[in-house]
Amino acid sequence: MSKMIIITQRKIIFAAQLISLSLIWIFVIAIALWILNLISLSIELDDAPGASIGISLIAIPVFFTLAGLLTYAFIGLKKEEFRLLKNSPEE
């Protein structure tokens, strides 16, 4: 394959990875806001917020942890790829 095709493929893959990373953070923040809205709505309606609080104590940290791990892996792989490309001999 020519070098131009390889560079284009890398750019497409990088764009797909960035989109994936952005979407997971949008998803996690949306879930956190939704759960917080459930809690405030249950308080506003004089309902017991226990179930919403119980779900939020587990769900919000789990989703943020998973999104953080995905971000950590993405950054680590990009650093490693950059290091390998920097140390590779030029063709």
N, C-alpha and C. Protein backbone atom coordinates (compact mmCIF):
# COMPACT_ATOMS: atom_id res chain seq x y z
N MET A 1 0.83 -1.18 0.00
CA MET A 1 0.00 0.00 0.00
C MET A 1 0.88 1.24 0.00
N SER A 2 0.34 2.26 -0.58
CA SER A 2 1.12 3.48 -0.61
C SER A 2 1.04 4.18 0.74
N LYS A 3 1.99 5.06 0.95
CA LYS A 3 2.07 5.76 2.22
C LYS A 3 0.85 6.69 2.43
N MET A 4 0.33 7.23 1.33
CA MET A 4 -0.82 8.14 1.41
C MET A 4 -2.08 7.41 1.90
N ILE A 5 -2.28 6.18 1.45
CA ILE A 5 -3.44 5.39 1.88
C ILE A 5 -3.32 5.06 3.36
N ILE A 6 -2.12 4.73 3.81
CA ILE A 6 -1.91 4.39 5.22
C ILE A 6 -2.19 5.61 6.09
N ILE A 7 -1.73 6.78 5.67
CA ILE A 7 -1.97 8.00 6.44
C ILE A 7 -3.46 8.30 6.50
N THR A 8 -4.17 8.13 5.37
CA THR A 8 -5.61 8.37 5.34
C THR A 8 -6.34 7.40 6.26
N GLN A 9 -5.94 6.14 6.25
CA GLN A 9 -6.56 5.15 7.13
C GLN A 9 -6.34 5.51 8.59
N ARG A 10 -5.14 5.96 8.92
CA ARG A 10 -4.86 6.34 10.31
C ARG A 10 -5.71 7.53 10.74
N LYS A 11 -5.91 8.49 9.84
CA LYS A 11 -6.74 9.65 10.16
C LYS A 11 -8.19 9.24 10.36
N ILE A 12 -8.68 8.33 9.55
CA ILE A 12 -10.06 7.85 9.68
C ILE A 12 -10.23 7.10 11.01
N ILE A 13 -9.28 6.26 11.35
CA ILE A 13 -9.34 5.51 12.60
C ILE A 13 -9.27 6.47 13.79
N PHE A 14 -8.39 7.46 13.72
CA PHE A 14 -8.28 8.44 14.81
C PHE A 14 -9.58 9.22 14.97
N ALA A 15 -10.20 9.61 13.85
CA ALA A 15 -11.47 10.34 13.92
C ALA A 15 -12.56 9.46 14.54
N ALA A 16 -12.61 8.19 14.17
CA ALA A 16 -13.60 7.27 14.75
C ALA A 16 -13.36 7.10 16.25
N GLN A 17 -12.10 7.03 16.66
CA GLN A 17 -11.79 6.90 18.08
C GLN A 17 -12.20 8.15 18.85
N LEU A 18 -11.93 9.32 18.28
CA LEU A 18 -12.33 10.57 18.94
C LEU A 18 -13.84 10.69 19.05
N ILE A 19 -14.54 10.30 18.00
CA ILE A 19 -16.01 10.33 18.05
C ILE A 19 -16.52 9.39 19.13
N SER A 20 -15.95 8.19 19.20
CA SER A 20 -16.34 7.22 20.21
C SER A 20 -16.09 7.76 21.62
N LEU A 21 -14.94 8.37 21.81
CA LEU A 21 -14.60 8.94 23.12
C LEU A 21 -15.53 10.08 23.49
N SER A 22 -15.84 10.93 22.53
CA SER A 22 -16.76 12.05 22.78
C SER A 22 -18.16 11.55 23.11
N LEU A 23 -18.63 10.55 22.38
CA LEU A 23 -19.97 10.03 22.61
C LEU A 23 -20.11 9.35 23.97
N ILE A 24 -19.08 8.65 24.43
CA ILE A 24 -19.18 8.00 25.73
C ILE A 24 -19.27 9.05 26.84
N TRP A 25 -18.51 10.17 26.70
CA TRP A 25 -18.59 11.22 27.72
C TRP A 25 -19.94 11.93 27.68
N ILE A 26 -20.48 12.16 26.49
CA ILE A 26 -21.81 12.75 26.38
C ILE A 26 -22.84 11.83 27.02
N PHE A 27 -22.74 10.53 26.77
CA PHE A 27 -23.64 9.54 27.35
C PHE A 27 -23.55 9.53 28.88
N VAL A 28 -22.34 9.53 29.41
CA VAL A 28 -22.15 9.48 30.86
C VAL A 28 -22.68 10.74 31.52
N ILE A 29 -22.39 11.89 30.95
CA ILE A 29 -22.87 13.14 31.53
C ILE A 29 -24.39 13.21 31.45
N ALA A 30 -24.97 12.74 30.34
CA ALA A 30 -26.43 12.74 30.20
C ALA A 30 -27.08 11.83 31.25
N ILE A 31 -26.50 10.66 31.49
CA ILE A 31 -27.05 9.76 32.51
C ILE A 31 -26.95 10.39 33.89
N ALA A 32 -25.84 11.02 34.20
CA ALA A 32 -25.68 11.67 35.51
C ALA A 32 -26.71 12.79 35.68
N LEU A 33 -26.90 13.60 34.66
CA LEU A 33 -27.88 14.67 34.74
C LEU A 33 -29.30 14.12 34.86
N TRP A 34 -29.58 13.04 34.16
CA TRP A 34 -30.91 12.42 34.22
C TRP A 34 -31.20 11.90 35.64
N ILE A 35 -30.21 11.23 36.22
CA ILE A 35 -30.40 10.69 37.57
C ILE A 35 -30.56 11.82 38.59
N LEU A 36 -29.75 12.87 38.45
CA LEU A 36 -29.89 14.01 39.34
C LEU A 36 -31.25 14.69 39.17
N ASN A 37 -31.75 14.72 37.95
CA ASN A 37 -33.09 15.25 37.69
C ASN A 37 -34.15 14.37 38.37
N LEU A 38 -33.98 13.06 38.33
CA LEU A 38 -34.92 12.16 39.02
C LEU A 38 -34.96 12.43 40.51
N ILE A 39 -33.79 12.66 41.10
CA ILE A 39 -33.73 12.94 42.53
C ILE A 39 -34.45 14.25 42.85
N SER A 40 -34.15 15.29 42.08
CA SER A 40 -34.79 16.59 42.35
C SER A 40 -36.30 16.52 42.10
N LEU A 41 -36.71 15.76 41.10
CA LEU A 41 -38.14 15.61 40.82
C LEU A 41 -38.85 14.86 41.94
N SER A 42 -38.21 13.83 42.47
CA SER A 42 -38.84 13.09 43.57
C SER A 42 -38.94 13.94 44.83
N ILE A 43 -37.96 14.81 45.06
CA ILE A 43 -38.04 15.71 46.21
C ILE A 43 -39.14 16.75 45.99
N GLU A 44 -39.20 17.26 44.77
CA GLU A 44 -40.22 18.27 44.43
C GLU A 44 -41.64 17.72 44.58
N LEU A 45 -41.83 16.45 44.24
CA LEU A 45 -43.16 15.82 44.31
C LEU A 45 -43.43 15.20 45.68
N ASP A 46 -42.57 15.48 46.65
CA ASP A 46 -42.69 14.92 48.01
C ASP A 46 -42.75 13.40 48.00
N ASP A 47 -41.97 12.82 47.12
CA ASP A 47 -41.86 11.37 47.04
C ASP A 47 -40.57 10.96 47.74
N ALA A 48 -40.44 9.68 48.02
CA ALA A 48 -39.22 9.20 48.66
C ALA A 48 -38.11 9.10 47.61
N PRO A 49 -37.04 9.86 47.76
CA PRO A 49 -35.97 9.82 46.76
C PRO A 49 -34.99 8.66 46.98
N GLY A 50 -35.31 7.75 47.85
CA GLY A 50 -34.39 6.67 48.21
C GLY A 50 -33.92 5.83 47.04
N ALA A 51 -34.85 5.44 46.17
CA ALA A 51 -34.46 4.60 45.03
C ALA A 51 -33.55 5.36 44.07
N SER A 52 -33.89 6.61 43.80
CA SER A 52 -33.06 7.40 42.89
C SER A 52 -31.67 7.64 43.48
N ILE A 53 -31.62 7.91 44.77
CA ILE A 53 -30.32 8.11 45.42
C ILE A 53 -29.53 6.82 45.42
N GLY A 54 -30.19 5.70 45.70
CA GLY A 54 -29.50 4.41 45.69
C GLY A 54 -28.93 4.07 44.33
N ILE A 55 -29.71 4.32 43.29
CA ILE A 55 -29.22 4.06 41.93
C ILE A 55 -28.06 4.99 41.61
N SER A 56 -28.18 6.26 42.00
CA SER A 56 -27.14 7.22 41.66
C SER A 56 -25.82 6.93 42.37
N LEU A 57 -25.89 6.39 43.59
CA LEU A 57 -24.67 6.06 44.33
C LEU A 57 -23.86 4.98 43.63
N ILE A 58 -24.52 4.12 42.87
CA ILE A 58 -23.82 3.06 42.15
C ILE A 58 -23.56 3.45 40.70
N ALA A 59 -24.60 3.93 40.02
CA ALA A 59 -24.51 4.13 38.57
C ALA A 59 -23.56 5.25 38.17
N ILE A 60 -23.65 6.39 38.82
CA ILE A 60 -22.83 7.53 38.39
C ILE A 60 -21.33 7.23 38.52
N PRO A 61 -20.85 6.73 39.67
CA PRO A 61 -19.40 6.43 39.73
C PRO A 61 -18.98 5.32 38.76
N VAL A 62 -19.85 4.34 38.53
CA VAL A 62 -19.49 3.27 37.60
C VAL A 62 -19.35 3.81 36.18
N PHE A 63 -20.30 4.63 35.74
CA PHE A 63 -20.22 5.18 34.39
C PHE A 63 -19.02 6.12 34.24
N PHE A 64 -18.77 6.96 35.24
CA PHE A 64 -17.61 7.85 35.15
C PHE A 64 -16.30 7.06 35.16
N THR A 65 -16.23 5.97 35.93
CA THR A 65 -15.04 5.14 35.95
C THR A 65 -14.81 4.47 34.60
N LEU A 66 -15.85 3.93 34.01
CA LEU A 66 -15.71 3.29 32.69
C LEU A 66 -15.30 4.29 31.61
N ALA A 67 -15.88 5.47 31.64
CA ALA A 67 -15.50 6.50 30.66
C ALA A 67 -14.06 6.95 30.91
N GLY A 68 -13.67 7.05 32.16
CA GLY A 68 -12.28 7.42 32.49
C GLY A 68 -11.29 6.37 32.03
N LEU A 69 -11.65 5.10 32.20
CA LEU A 69 -10.76 4.02 31.73
C LEU A 69 -10.62 4.03 30.21
N LEU A 70 -11.72 4.28 29.51
CA LEU A 70 -11.66 4.37 28.06
C LEU A 70 -10.77 5.53 27.62
N THR A 71 -10.90 6.66 28.30
CA THR A 71 -10.07 7.83 27.99
C THR A 71 -8.60 7.54 28.28
N TYR A 72 -8.34 6.91 29.41
CA TYR A 72 -6.97 6.55 29.80
C TYR A 72 -6.34 5.61 28.77
N ALA A 73 -7.09 4.62 28.33
CA ALA A 73 -6.56 3.68 27.33
C ALA A 73 -6.32 4.38 26.00
N PHE A 74 -7.22 5.26 25.60
CA PHE A 74 -7.06 5.99 24.35
C PHE A 74 -5.81 6.85 24.38
N ILE A 75 -5.62 7.61 25.46
CA ILE A 75 -4.45 8.48 25.57
C ILE A 75 -3.16 7.65 25.63
N GLY A 76 -3.20 6.55 26.39
CA GLY A 76 -2.02 5.69 26.48
C GLY A 76 -1.64 5.08 25.14
N LEU A 77 -2.63 4.63 24.38
CA LEU A 77 -2.34 4.05 23.07
C LEU A 77 -1.81 5.10 22.11
N LYS A 78 -2.35 6.32 22.17
CA LYS A 78 -1.88 7.39 21.29
C LYS A 78 -0.44 7.78 21.64
N LYS A 79 -0.11 7.83 22.93
CA LYS A 79 1.26 8.13 23.34
C LYS A 79 2.22 7.06 22.85
N GLU A 80 1.81 5.80 22.97
CA GLU A 80 2.66 4.69 22.53
C GLU A 80 2.83 4.72 21.01
N GLU A 81 1.75 5.00 20.28
CA GLU A 81 1.83 5.08 18.83
C GLU A 81 2.76 6.22 18.42
N PHE A 82 2.64 7.37 19.09
CA PHE A 82 3.50 8.50 18.79
C PHE A 82 4.97 8.17 19.07
N ARG A 83 5.22 7.47 20.19
CA ARG A 83 6.59 7.09 20.54
C ARG A 83 7.16 6.14 19.51
N LEU A 84 6.36 5.17 19.07
CA LEU A 84 6.83 4.21 18.06
C LEU A 84 7.08 4.89 16.72
N LEU A 85 6.22 5.81 16.34
CA LEU A 85 6.42 6.52 15.08
C LEU A 85 7.64 7.42 15.14
N LYS A 86 7.91 8.01 16.31
CA LYS A 86 9.05 8.90 16.46
C LYS A 86 10.37 8.13 16.38
N ASN A 87 10.36 6.91 16.90
CA ASN A 87 11.59 6.11 16.94
C ASN A 87 11.76 5.22 15.72
N SER A 88 10.80 5.16 14.83
CA SER A 88 10.91 4.30 13.64
C SER A 88 11.80 4.96 12.61
N PRO A 89 12.54 4.14 11.85
CA PRO A 89 13.40 4.72 10.81
C PRO A 89 12.55 5.24 9.65
N GLU A 90 12.97 6.33 9.07
CA GLU A 90 12.26 6.90 7.93
C GLU A 90 12.48 6.05 6.70
N GLU A 91 11.45 5.93 5.88
CA GLU A 91 11.56 5.13 4.64
C GLU A 91 11.89 6.01 3.47
